[in-house]
Amino acid sequence: MLIRYATPADASAMARVKVDTWRSAYSGIIDSDYLGSLSYAEVKERFRNSMDIPAPYERFMVVEDRGEVIGFAIFGRERAVASLERGEIYAIYVMPERQGEGVGRKLMAAAVSKLKEDGMRSLTVWTLERGKSRRFYERLGGHPCRTKNACIGGKDYTHVAYCWPNLDTQKNKKLNNK
């Protein structure tokens, strides 16, 4: 497996990963009409536009296996707090058929390593309250620290933030191991 920075040429593969993962992970949680309406082309265009003009400190990474993108992460400074030392994973997705193989853990560790290089000392990740990914973040040492409602497809869903208050502690060993 190879973890590297994404380029605009990866936008199509990233769109496939995101749409397929959303349809699998959020089935029965997010409205099925909304999930069915997700468009690879629209998601690809959003990724391409975001990579063309990224927000300050925003980074895009992909994980490849045998030349195929099987996951990605987007991360940078925490968006909700004006701090130069708080990082956030904005998105992290692994193809459904590759979940449970350690791909997400390796991708998360690579993102955390880059955030630490950028001077980030803590980390936040938002996920759906009813999402399966909560167990993933808990296994990596994150703990729920706040909630918010967000609109997806015209409906409100509760999101939970998982936090790691200090990325340098030995307690975060699971998060930092690649």
Foldseek 3Di string as FASTA:
>chain_A
DDKDFDALVCLLLALVQVLQQCCVFCVVPDDPVLSVPRDSVVSSVVVSVCRVPPDPQWTKMFDDDPRHTFKIWIKGADPVDPDQAEIETADITGRPVCPPVCPRLVRLLVVVVVSVVSRHFKYKYKDFPPTPCVVVLVVQPWDWDDWDWDDRPRDITIITMTMDRGCPDPSRVSNNDD
